[in-house]
PDB file of N, CA and C in Angstrom:
ATOM      1  N   MET A   1     215.018 150.332   2.035  1.00  0.00           N
ATOM      2  CA  MET A   1     214.416 151.190   3.022  1.00  0.00           C
ATOM      3  C   MET A   1     213.742 152.401   2.353  1.00  0.00           C
ATOM      4  N   TRP A   2     214.449 153.072   1.455  1.00  0.00           N
ATOM      5  CA  TRP A   2     213.877 154.242   0.793  1.00  0.00           C
ATOM      6  C   TRP A   2     212.651 153.875  -0.048  1.00  0.00           C
ATOM      7  N   ALA A   3     212.727 152.708  -0.663  1.00  0.00           N
ATOM      8  CA  ALA A   3     211.591 152.285  -1.493  1.00  0.00           C
ATOM      9  C   ALA A   3     210.350 152.104  -0.631  1.00  0.00           C
ATOM     10  N   GLY A   4     210.516 151.527   0.548  1.00  0.00           N
ATOM     11  CA  GLY A   4     209.382 151.347   1.460  1.00  0.00           C
ATOM     12  C   GLY A   4     208.806 152.669   1.925  1.00  0.00           C
ATOM     13  N   MET A   5     209.691 153.621   2.233  1.00  0.00           N
ATOM     14  CA  MET A   5     209.225 154.943   2.658  1.00  0.00           C
ATOM     15  C   MET A   5     208.514 155.654   1.512  1.00  0.00           C
ATOM     16  N   LEU A   6     209.064 155.509   0.297  1.00  0.00           N
ATOM     17  CA  LEU A   6     208.442 156.145  -0.862  1.00  0.00           C
ATOM     18  C   LEU A   6     207.054 155.573  -1.109  1.00  0.00           C
ATOM     19  N   LEU A   7     206.909 154.265  -0.999  1.00  0.00           N
ATOM     20  CA  LEU A   7     205.598 153.645  -1.192  1.00  0.00           C
ATOM     21  C   LEU A   7     204.620 154.102  -0.123  1.00  0.00           C
ATOM     22  N   THR A   8     205.085 154.217   1.110  1.00  0.00           N
ATOM     23  CA  THR A   8     204.223 154.677   2.194  1.00  0.00           C
ATOM     24  C   THR A   8     203.775 156.110   1.955  1.00  0.00           C
ATOM     25  N   VAL A   9     204.695 156.989   1.628  1.00  0.00           N
ATOM     26  CA  VAL A   9     204.359 158.388   1.376  1.00  0.00           C
ATOM     27  C   VAL A   9     203.450 158.507   0.163  1.00  0.00           C
ATOM     28  N   THR A  10     203.751 157.786  -0.893  1.00  0.00           N
ATOM     29  CA  THR A  10     202.916 157.819  -2.093  1.00  0.00           C
ATOM     30  C   THR A  10     201.509 157.344  -1.769  1.00  0.00           C
ATOM     31  N   GLY A  11     201.381 156.303  -0.972  1.00  0.00           N
ATOM     32  CA  GLY A  11     200.068 155.799  -0.582  1.00  0.00           C
ATOM     33  C   GLY A  11     199.281 156.828   0.206  1.00  0.00           C
ATOM     34  N   VAL A  12     199.932 157.550   1.089  1.00  0.00           N
ATOM     35  CA  VAL A  12     199.261 158.587   1.865  1.00  0.00           C
ATOM     36  C   VAL A  12     198.799 159.711   0.949  1.00  0.00           C
ATOM     37  N   TRP A  13     199.662 160.158   0.035  1.00  0.00           N
ATOM     38  CA  TRP A  13     199.263 161.215  -0.889  1.00  0.00           C
ATOM     39  C   TRP A  13     198.112 160.780  -1.770  1.00  0.00           C
ATOM     40  N   ALA A  14     198.115 159.538  -2.196  1.00  0.00           N
ATOM     41  CA  ALA A  14     197.045 159.060  -3.076  1.00  0.00           C
ATOM     42  C   ALA A  14     195.705 159.053  -2.346  1.00  0.00           C
ATOM     43  N   GLN A  15     195.719 158.875  -1.013  1.00  0.00           N
ATOM     44  CA  GLN A  15     194.479 158.809  -0.248  1.00  0.00           C
ATOM     45  C   GLN A  15     194.026 160.174   0.246  1.00  0.00           C
ATOM     46  N   ALA A  16     194.882 161.152   0.248  1.00  0.00           N
ATOM     47  CA  ALA A  16     194.593 162.442   0.867  1.00  0.00           C
ATOM     48  C   ALA A  16     193.280 163.083   0.421  1.00  0.00           C
ATOM     49  N   PRO A  17     192.927 163.117  -0.874  1.00  0.00           N
ATOM     50  CA  PRO A  17     191.706 163.818  -1.256  1.00  0.00           C
ATOM     51  C   PRO A  17     190.447 163.285  -0.590  1.00  0.00           C
ATOM     52  N   THR A  18     190.344 161.993  -0.337  1.00  0.00           N
ATOM     53  CA  THR A  18     189.137 161.459   0.281  1.00  0.00           C
ATOM     54  C   THR A  18     189.251 161.375   1.795  1.00  0.00           C
ATOM     55  N   ASP A  19     190.449 161.457   2.339  1.00  0.00           N
ATOM     56  CA  ASP A  19     190.629 161.329   3.773  1.00  0.00           C
ATOM     57  C   ASP A  19     190.431 162.643   4.514  1.00  0.00           C
ATOM     58  N   VAL A  20     190.512 163.769   3.846  1.00  0.00           N
ATOM     59  CA  VAL A  20     190.284 165.038   4.509  1.00  0.00           C
ATOM     60  C   VAL A  20     188.792 165.281   4.612  1.00  0.00           C
ATOM     61  N   GLY A  21     188.402 166.118   5.559  1.00  0.00           N
ATOM     62  CA  GLY A  21     187.000 166.470   5.676  1.00  0.00           C
ATOM     63  C   GLY A  21     186.564 167.339   4.508  1.00  0.00           C
ATOM     64  N   LEU A  22     185.279 167.377   4.277  1.00  0.00           N
ATOM     65  CA  LEU A  22     184.738 168.120   3.136  1.00  0.00           C
ATOM     66  C   LEU A  22     185.193 169.566   3.136  1.00  0.00           C
ATOM     67  N   THR A  23     185.027 170.258   4.259  1.00  0.00           N
ATOM     68  CA  THR A  23     185.318 171.681   4.274  1.00  0.00           C
ATOM     69  C   THR A  23     186.809 171.985   4.203  1.00  0.00           C
ATOM     70  N   GLU A  24     187.658 170.981   4.452  1.00  0.00           N
ATOM     71  CA  GLU A  24     189.102 171.158   4.311  1.00  0.00           C
ATOM     72  C   GLU A  24     189.591 170.786   2.918  1.00  0.00           C
ATOM     73  N   SER A  25     188.725 170.177   2.140  1.00  0.00           N
ATOM     74  CA  SER A  25     189.080 169.714   0.800  1.00  0.00           C
ATOM     75  C   SER A  25     189.382 170.887  -0.123  1.00  0.00           C
ATOM     76  N   GLN A  26     190.463 170.776  -0.856  1.00  0.00           N
ATOM     77  CA  GLN A  26     190.828 171.815  -1.827  1.00  0.00           C
ATOM     78  C   GLN A  26     189.751 171.947  -2.901  1.00  0.00           C
ATOM     79  N   VAL A  27     189.170 170.840  -3.321  1.00  0.00           N
ATOM     80  CA  VAL A  27     188.108 170.875  -4.337  1.00  0.00           C
ATOM     81  C   VAL A  27     186.904 171.641  -3.795  1.00  0.00           C
ATOM     82  N   TYR A  28     186.514 171.342  -2.550  1.00  0.00           N
ATOM     83  CA  TYR A  28     185.386 172.058  -1.935  1.00  0.00           C
ATOM     84  C   TYR A  28     185.696 173.550  -1.844  1.00  0.00           C
ATOM     85  N   GLN A  29     186.879 173.882  -1.370  1.00  0.00           N
ATOM     86  CA  GLN A  29     187.260 175.283  -1.219  1.00  0.00           C
ATOM     87  C   GLN A  29     187.247 176.023  -2.560  1.00  0.00           C
ATOM     88  N   GLN A  30     187.661 175.351  -3.603  1.00  0.00           N
ATOM     89  CA  GLN A  30     187.748 175.991  -4.917  1.00  0.00           C
ATOM     90  C   GLN A  30     186.403 176.080  -5.627  1.00  0.00           C
ATOM     91  N   HIS A  31     185.546 175.063  -5.476  1.00  0.00           N
ATOM     92  CA  HIS A  31     184.336 174.997  -6.299  1.00  0.00           C
ATOM     93  C   HIS A  31     183.015 175.106  -5.542  1.00  0.00           C
ATOM     94  N   CYS A  32     182.999 174.840  -4.246  1.00  0.00           N
ATOM     95  CA  CYS A  32     181.726 174.691  -3.542  1.00  0.00           C
ATOM     96  C   CYS A  32     181.466 175.725  -2.449  1.00  0.00           C
ATOM     97  N   VAL A  33     182.533 176.209  -1.827  1.00  0.00           N
ATOM     98  CA  VAL A  33     182.387 177.063  -0.647  1.00  0.00           C
ATOM     99  C   VAL A  33     181.605 178.339  -0.941  1.00  0.00           C
ATOM    100  N   LYS A  34     181.710 178.855  -2.138  1.00  0.00           N
ATOM    101  CA  LYS A  34     181.027 180.101  -2.496  1.00  0.00           C
ATOM    102  C   LYS A  34     179.514 179.982  -2.289  1.00  0.00           C
ATOM    103  N   CYS A  35     178.955 178.842  -2.625  1.00  0.00           N
ATOM    104  CA  CYS A  35     177.508 178.665  -2.509  1.00  0.00           C
ATOM    105  C   CYS A  35     177.091 177.912  -1.245  1.00  0.00           C
ATOM    106  N   HIS A  36     177.891 176.939  -0.826  1.00  0.00           N
ATOM    107  CA  HIS A  36     177.490 176.094   0.299  1.00  0.00           C
ATOM    108  C   HIS A  36     178.082 176.530   1.636  1.00  0.00           C
ATOM    109  N   GLY A  37     178.947 177.537   1.638  1.00  0.00           N
ATOM    110  CA  GLY A  37     179.469 178.097   2.872  1.00  0.00           C
ATOM    111  C   GLY A  37     180.705 177.392   3.397  1.00  0.00           C
ATOM    112  N   LYS A  38     181.417 178.096   4.275  1.00  0.00           N
ATOM    113  CA  LYS A  38     182.674 177.578   4.824  1.00  0.00           C
ATOM    114  C   LYS A  38     182.499 176.286   5.605  1.00  0.00           C
ATOM    115  N   ASN A  39     181.353 176.134   6.281  1.00  0.00           N
ATOM    116  CA  ASN A  39     181.141 174.921   7.072  1.00  0.00           C
ATOM    117  C   ASN A  39     180.092 173.999   6.450  1.00  0.00           C
ATOM    118  N   ALA A  40     179.763 174.223   5.184  1.00  0.00           N
ATOM    119  CA  ALA A  40     178.817 173.409   4.408  1.00  0.00           C
ATOM    120  C   ALA A  40     177.390 173.479   4.937  1.00  0.00           C
ATOM    121  N   ALA A  41     177.089 174.511   5.720  1.00  0.00           N
ATOM    122  CA  ALA A  41     175.751 174.665   6.285  1.00  0.00           C
ATOM    123  C   ALA A  41     174.827 175.445   5.353  1.00  0.00           C
ATOM    124  N   GLY A  42     175.305 175.786   4.170  1.00  0.00           N
ATOM    125  CA  GLY A  42     174.503 176.521   3.208  1.00  0.00           C
ATOM    126  C   GLY A  42     174.656 178.017   3.405  1.00  0.00           C
ATOM    127  N   ARG A  43     174.149 178.751   2.432  1.00  0.00           N
ATOM    128  CA  ARG A  43     174.233 180.212   2.495  1.00  0.00           C
ATOM    129  C   ARG A  43     172.888 180.790   2.079  1.00  0.00           C
ATOM    130  N   HIS A  44     172.524 181.872   2.719  1.00  0.00           N
ATOM    131  CA  HIS A  44     171.299 182.575   2.368  1.00  0.00           C
ATOM    132  C   HIS A  44     171.390 183.001   0.907  1.00  0.00           C
ATOM    133  N   PHE A  45     170.401 182.684   0.125  1.00  0.00           N
ATOM    134  CA  PHE A  45     170.376 182.942  -1.320  1.00  0.00           C
ATOM    135  C   PHE A  45     171.489 182.206  -2.056  1.00  0.00           C
ATOM    136  N   GLY A  46     172.008 181.160  -1.466  1.00  0.00           N
ATOM    137  CA  GLY A  46     173.050 180.363  -2.099  1.00  0.00           C
ATOM    138  C   GLY A  46     172.643 178.907  -2.101  1.00  0.00           C
ATOM    139  N   GLY A  47     173.628 178.048  -2.064  1.00  0.00           N
ATOM    140  CA  GLY A  47     173.360 176.617  -2.073  1.00  0.00           C
ATOM    141  C   GLY A  47     172.842 176.128  -0.736  1.00  0.00           C
ATOM    142  N   PRO A  48     172.123 175.020  -0.742  1.00  0.00           N
ATOM    143  CA  PRO A  48     171.575 174.478   0.496  1.00  0.00           C
ATOM    144  C   PRO A  48     172.660 173.861   1.377  1.00  0.00           C
ATOM    145  N   SER A  49     172.275 173.580   2.599  1.00  0.00           N
ATOM    146  CA  SER A  49     173.177 172.921   3.541  1.00  0.00           C
ATOM    147  C   SER A  49     173.502 171.513   3.053  1.00  0.00           C
ATOM    148  N   LEU A  50     174.769 171.172   3.075  1.00  0.00           N
ATOM    149  CA  LEU A  50     175.174 169.810   2.747  1.00  0.00           C
ATOM    150  C   LEU A  50     175.136 168.931   3.979  1.00  0.00           C
ATOM    151  N   ARG A  51     174.736 169.512   5.115  1.00  0.00           N
ATOM    152  CA  ARG A  51     174.588 168.789   6.372  1.00  0.00           C
ATOM    153  C   ARG A  51     173.134 168.367   6.610  1.00  0.00           C
ATOM    154  N   ALA A  52     172.240 168.774   5.732  1.00  0.00           N
ATOM    155  CA  ALA A  52     170.815 168.516   5.894  1.00  0.00           C
ATOM    156  C   ALA A  52     170.498 167.028   5.776  1.00  0.00           C
ATOM    157  N   ASP A  53     169.450 166.606   6.485  1.00  0.00           N
ATOM    158  CA  ASP A  53     169.019 165.207   6.425  1.00  0.00           C
ATOM    159  C   ASP A  53     168.695 164.782   5.001  1.00  0.00           C
ATOM    160  N   LYS A  54     168.097 165.691   4.225  1.00  0.00           N
ATOM    161  CA  LYS A  54     167.735 165.380   2.834  1.00  0.00           C
ATOM    162  C   LYS A  54     168.974 165.008   2.016  1.00  0.00           C
ATOM    163  N   VAL A  55     170.060 165.729   2.232  1.00  0.00           N
ATOM    164  CA  VAL A  55     171.304 165.444   1.512  1.00  0.00           C
ATOM    165  C   VAL A  55     171.899 164.136   2.011  1.00  0.00           C
ATOM    166  N   ASN A  56     171.903 163.955   3.329  1.00  0.00           N
ATOM    167  CA  ASN A  56     172.479 162.743   3.905  1.00  0.00           C
ATOM    168  C   ASN A  56     171.700 161.496   3.489  1.00  0.00           C
ATOM    169  N   SER A  57     170.395 161.625   3.297  1.00  0.00           N
ATOM    170  CA  SER A  57     169.599 160.464   2.920  1.00  0.00           C
ATOM    171  C   SER A  57     169.642 160.175   1.412  1.00  0.00           C
ATOM    172  N   ALA A  58     170.177 161.097   0.643  1.00  0.00           N
ATOM    173  CA  ALA A  58     170.312 160.872  -0.807  1.00  0.00           C
ATOM    174  C   ALA A  58     171.333 159.759  -1.043  1.00  0.00           C
ATOM    175  N   SER A  59     171.131 159.010  -2.089  1.00  0.00           N
ATOM    176  CA  SER A  59     172.080 157.942  -2.414  1.00  0.00           C
ATOM    177  C   SER A  59     173.365 158.540  -2.966  1.00  0.00           C
ATOM    178  N   ASN A  60     174.418 157.767  -2.905  1.00  0.00           N
ATOM    179  CA  ASN A  60     175.692 158.202  -3.487  1.00  0.00           C
ATOM    180  C   ASN A  60     175.511 158.520  -4.962  1.00  0.00           C
ATOM    181  N   GLU A  61     174.759 157.702  -5.662  1.00  0.00           N
ATOM    182  CA  GLU A  61     174.538 157.913  -7.093  1.00  0.00           C
ATOM    183  C   GLU A  61     173.781 159.217  -7.348  1.00  0.00           C
ATOM    184  N   ASP A  62     172.779 159.525  -6.501  1.00  0.00           N
ATOM    185  CA  ASP A  62     172.052 160.789  -6.651  1.00  0.00           C
ATOM    186  C   ASP A  62     172.985 161.983  -6.457  1.00  0.00           C
ATOM    187  N   LEU A  63     173.823 161.926  -5.423  1.00  0.00           N
ATOM    188  CA  LEU A  63     174.761 163.023  -5.173  1.00  0.00           C
ATOM    189  C   LEU A  63     175.756 163.155  -6.313  1.00  0.00           C
ATOM    190  N   ARG A  64     176.258 162.028  -6.784  1.00  0.00           N
ATOM    191  CA  ARG A  64     177.207 162.025  -7.909  1.00  0.00           C
ATOM    192  C   ARG A  64     176.548 162.660  -9.142  1.00  0.00           C
ATOM    193  N   ASN A  65     175.304 162.322  -9.388  1.00  0.00           N
ATOM    194  CA  ASN A  65     174.564 162.850 -10.535  1.00  0.00           C
ATOM    195  C   ASN A  65     174.344 164.362 -10.414  1.00  0.00           C
ATOM    196  N   ILE A  66     173.989 164.827  -9.215  1.00  0.00           N
ATOM    197  CA  ILE A  66     173.756 166.258  -9.008  1.00  0.00           C
ATOM    198  C   ILE A  66     175.051 167.037  -9.202  1.00  0.00           C
ATOM    199  N   ILE A  67     176.146 166.535  -8.633  1.00  0.00           N
ATOM    200  CA  ILE A  67     177.429 167.224  -8.790  1.00  0.00           C
ATOM    201  C   ILE A  67     177.851 167.216 -10.256  1.00  0.00           C
ATOM    202  N   SER A  68     177.698 166.098 -10.907  1.00  0.00           N
ATOM    203  CA  SER A  68     178.132 165.963 -12.304  1.00  0.00           C
ATOM    204  C   SER A  68     177.288 166.778 -13.266  1.00  0.00           C
ATOM    205  N   ASN A  69     175.962 166.706 -13.119  1.00  0.00           N
ATOM    206  CA  ASN A  69     175.050 167.272 -14.108  1.00  0.00           C
ATOM    207  C   ASN A  69     174.325 168.527 -13.666  1.00  0.00           C
ATOM    208  N   GLY A  70     174.476 168.905 -12.407  1.00  0.00           N
ATOM    209  CA  GLY A  70     173.790 170.077 -11.879  1.00  0.00           C
ATOM    210  C   GLY A  70     172.333 169.789 -11.585  1.00  0.00           C
ATOM    211  N   LYS A  71     171.702 170.745 -10.899  1.00  0.00           N
ATOM    212  CA  LYS A  71     170.273 170.621 -10.585  1.00  0.00           C
ATOM    213  C   LYS A  71     169.799 171.979 -10.100  1.00  0.00           C
ATOM    214  N   GLY A  72     168.737 172.487 -10.672  1.00  0.00           N
ATOM    215  CA  GLY A  72     168.259 173.812 -10.291  1.00  0.00           C
ATOM    216  C   GLY A  72     169.332 174.857 -10.573  1.00  0.00           C
ATOM    217  N   HIS A  73     169.732 175.588  -9.542  1.00  0.00           N
ATOM    218  CA  HIS A  73     170.772 176.611  -9.695  1.00  0.00           C
ATOM    219  C   HIS A  73     172.179 176.031  -9.597  1.00  0.00           C
ATOM    220  N   MET A  74     172.277 174.766  -9.239  1.00  0.00           N
ATOM    221  CA  MET A  74     173.593 174.118  -9.116  1.00  0.00           C
ATOM    222  C   MET A  74     174.150 173.851 -10.511  1.00  0.00           C
ATOM    223  N   PRO A  75     175.336 174.398 -10.804  1.00  0.00           N
ATOM    224  CA  PRO A  75     175.933 174.141 -12.123  1.00  0.00           C
ATOM    225  C   PRO A  75     176.482 172.727 -12.219  1.00  0.00           C
ATOM    226  N   LYS A  76     176.693 172.259 -13.414  1.00  0.00           N
ATOM    227  CA  LYS A  76     177.276 170.936 -13.601  1.00  0.00           C
ATOM    228  C   LYS A  76     178.796 171.021 -13.475  1.00  0.00           C
ATOM    229  N   TYR A  77     179.371 169.983 -12.907  1.00  0.00           N
ATOM    230  CA  TYR A  77     180.815 169.957 -12.701  1.00  0.00           C
ATOM    231  C   TYR A  77     181.505 168.801 -13.411  1.00  0.00           C
ATOM    232  N   ALA A  78     180.778 168.052 -14.216  1.00  0.00           N
ATOM    233  CA  ALA A  78     181.385 166.915 -14.915  1.00  0.00           C
ATOM    234  C   ALA A  78     182.543 167.336 -15.798  1.00  0.00           C
ATOM    235  N   ASP A  79     182.478 168.544 -16.330  1.00  0.00           N
ATOM    236  CA  ASP A  79     183.545 169.012 -17.212  1.00  0.00           C
ATOM    237  C   ASP A  79     184.637 169.785 -16.460  1.00  0.00           C
ATOM    238  N   LYS A  80     184.456 169.971 -15.142  1.00  0.00           N
ATOM    239  CA  LYS A  80     185.430 170.712 -14.338  1.00  0.00           C
ATOM    240  C   LYS A  80     186.161 169.837 -13.334  1.00  0.00           C
ATOM    241  N   LEU A  81     185.531 168.739 -12.925  1.00  0.00           N
ATOM    242  CA  LEU A  81     186.112 167.843 -11.924  1.00  0.00           C
ATOM    243  C   LEU A  81     186.266 166.447 -12.498  1.00  0.00           C
ATOM    244  N   SER A  82     187.281 165.744 -12.040  1.00  0.00           N
ATOM    245  CA  SER A  82     187.462 164.353 -12.469  1.00  0.00           C
ATOM    246  C   SER A  82     186.456 163.468 -11.740  1.00  0.00           C
ATOM    247  N   ALA A  83     186.265 162.272 -12.247  1.00  0.00           N
ATOM    248  CA  ALA A  83     185.376 161.303 -11.594  1.00  0.00           C
ATOM    249  C   ALA A  83     185.861 161.020 -10.171  1.00  0.00           C
ATOM    250  N   GLU A  84     187.167 160.983  -9.971  1.00  0.00           N
ATOM    251  CA  GLU A  84     187.735 160.724  -8.646  1.00  0.00           C
ATOM    252  C   GLU A  84     187.431 161.875  -7.695  1.00  0.00           C
ATOM    253  N   GLU A  85     187.507 163.108  -8.188  1.00  0.00           N
ATOM    254  CA  GLU A  85     187.194 164.267  -7.344  1.00  0.00           C
ATOM    255  C   GLU A  85     185.719 164.276  -6.968  1.00  0.00           C
ATOM    256  N   ILE A  86     184.854 163.931  -7.905  1.00  0.00           N
ATOM    257  CA  ILE A  86     183.419 163.872  -7.618  1.00  0.00           C
ATOM    258  C   ILE A  86     183.134 162.765  -6.612  1.00  0.00           C
ATOM    259  N   ASP A  87     183.742 161.600  -6.784  1.00  0.00           N
ATOM    260  CA  ASP A  87     183.561 160.502  -5.830  1.00  0.00           C
ATOM    261  C   ASP A  87     184.044 160.893  -4.438  1.00  0.00           C
ATOM    262  N   ALA A  88     185.167 161.620  -4.372  1.00  0.00           N
ATOM    263  CA  ALA A  88     185.688 162.074  -3.079  1.00  0.00           C
ATOM    264  C   ALA A  88     184.699 163.038  -2.424  1.00  0.00           C
ATOM    265  N   LEU A  89     184.129 163.965  -3.209  1.00  0.00           N
ATOM    266  CA  LEU A  89     183.140 164.891  -2.659  1.00  0.00           C
ATOM    267  C   LEU A  89     181.932 164.138  -2.117  1.00  0.00           C
ATOM    268  N   VAL A  90     181.456 163.145  -2.843  1.00  0.00           N
ATOM    269  CA  VAL A  90     180.315 162.352  -2.383  1.00  0.00           C
ATOM    270  C   VAL A  90     180.648 161.686  -1.053  1.00  0.00           C
ATOM    271  N   LYS A  91     181.803 161.067  -0.967  1.00  0.00           N
ATOM    272  CA  LYS A  91     182.232 160.401   0.270  1.00  0.00           C
ATOM    273  C   LYS A  91     182.311 161.404   1.422  1.00  0.00           C
ATOM    274  N   GLN A  92     182.867 162.576   1.149  1.00  0.00           N
ATOM    275  CA  GLN A  92     183.016 163.599   2.181  1.00  0.00           C
ATOM    276  C   GLN A  92     181.662 164.178   2.601  1.00  0.00           C
ATOM    277  N   ILE A  93     180.759 164.358   1.663  1.00  0.00           N
ATOM    278  CA  ILE A  93     179.416 164.848   1.997  1.00  0.00           C
ATOM    279  C   ILE A  93     178.696 163.830   2.869  1.00  0.00           C
ATOM    280  N   LYS A  94     178.767 162.569   2.503  1.00  0.00           N
ATOM    281  CA  LYS A  94     178.118 161.521   3.291  1.00  0.00           C
ATOM    282  C   LYS A  94     178.715 161.434   4.705  1.00  0.00           C
ATOM    283  N   ALA A  95     180.004 161.699   4.825  1.00  0.00           N
ATOM    284  CA  ALA A  95     180.655 161.659   6.146  1.00  0.00           C
ATOM    285  C   ALA A  95     180.127 162.785   7.049  1.00  0.00           C
ATOM    286  N   LEU A  96     179.667 163.891   6.474  1.00  0.00           N
ATOM    287  CA  LEU A  96     179.098 164.974   7.272  1.00  0.00           C
ATOM    288  C   LEU A  96     177.895 164.486   8.069  1.00  0.00           C
ATOM    289  N   GLY A  97     177.096 163.607   7.468  1.00  0.00           N
ATOM    290  CA  GLY A  97     175.917 163.077   8.157  1.00  0.00           C
ATOM    291  C   GLY A  97     176.273 162.193   9.327  1.00  0.00           C
ATOM    292  N   LYS A  98     177.439 161.593   9.290  1.00  0.00           N
ATOM    293  CA  LYS A  98     177.901 160.732  10.380  1.00  0.00           C
ATOM    294  C   LYS A  98     178.530 161.541  11.496  1.00  0.00           C
ATOM    295  N   ASN A  99     179.017 162.753  11.152  1.00  0.00           N
ATOM    296  CA  ASN A  99     179.691 163.627  12.108  1.00  0.00           C
ATOM    297  C   ASN A  99     179.131 165.044  12.004  1.00  0.00           C
ATOM    298  N   PRO A 100     177.877 165.237  12.401  1.00  0.00           N
ATOM    299  CA  PRO A 100     177.262 166.563  12.218  1.00  0.00           C
ATOM    300  C   PRO A 100     177.948 167.653  13.034  1.00  0.00           C
TER     301      PRO A 100
END
């Protein structure tokens, strides 16, 4: 019985980073909110809205590349975030377009 509960709890914890919304994500709060805002709508003189059609229409690979390598004023995060954290951010950003 305990083994089954442990596996269930472990499975939930393993999924948590991608199952939370972008703005609730600890990674977003720590690394992105300063420029993209609390609700990911962007900030004046900061990062653009992550809810914009342009962002939503970008491919997963394009978003992964921008987060990893930076673009314009966006710094690179490949050396600060794991591949799993970057993939989770991409998934969460894409979900914003489905739930504006």
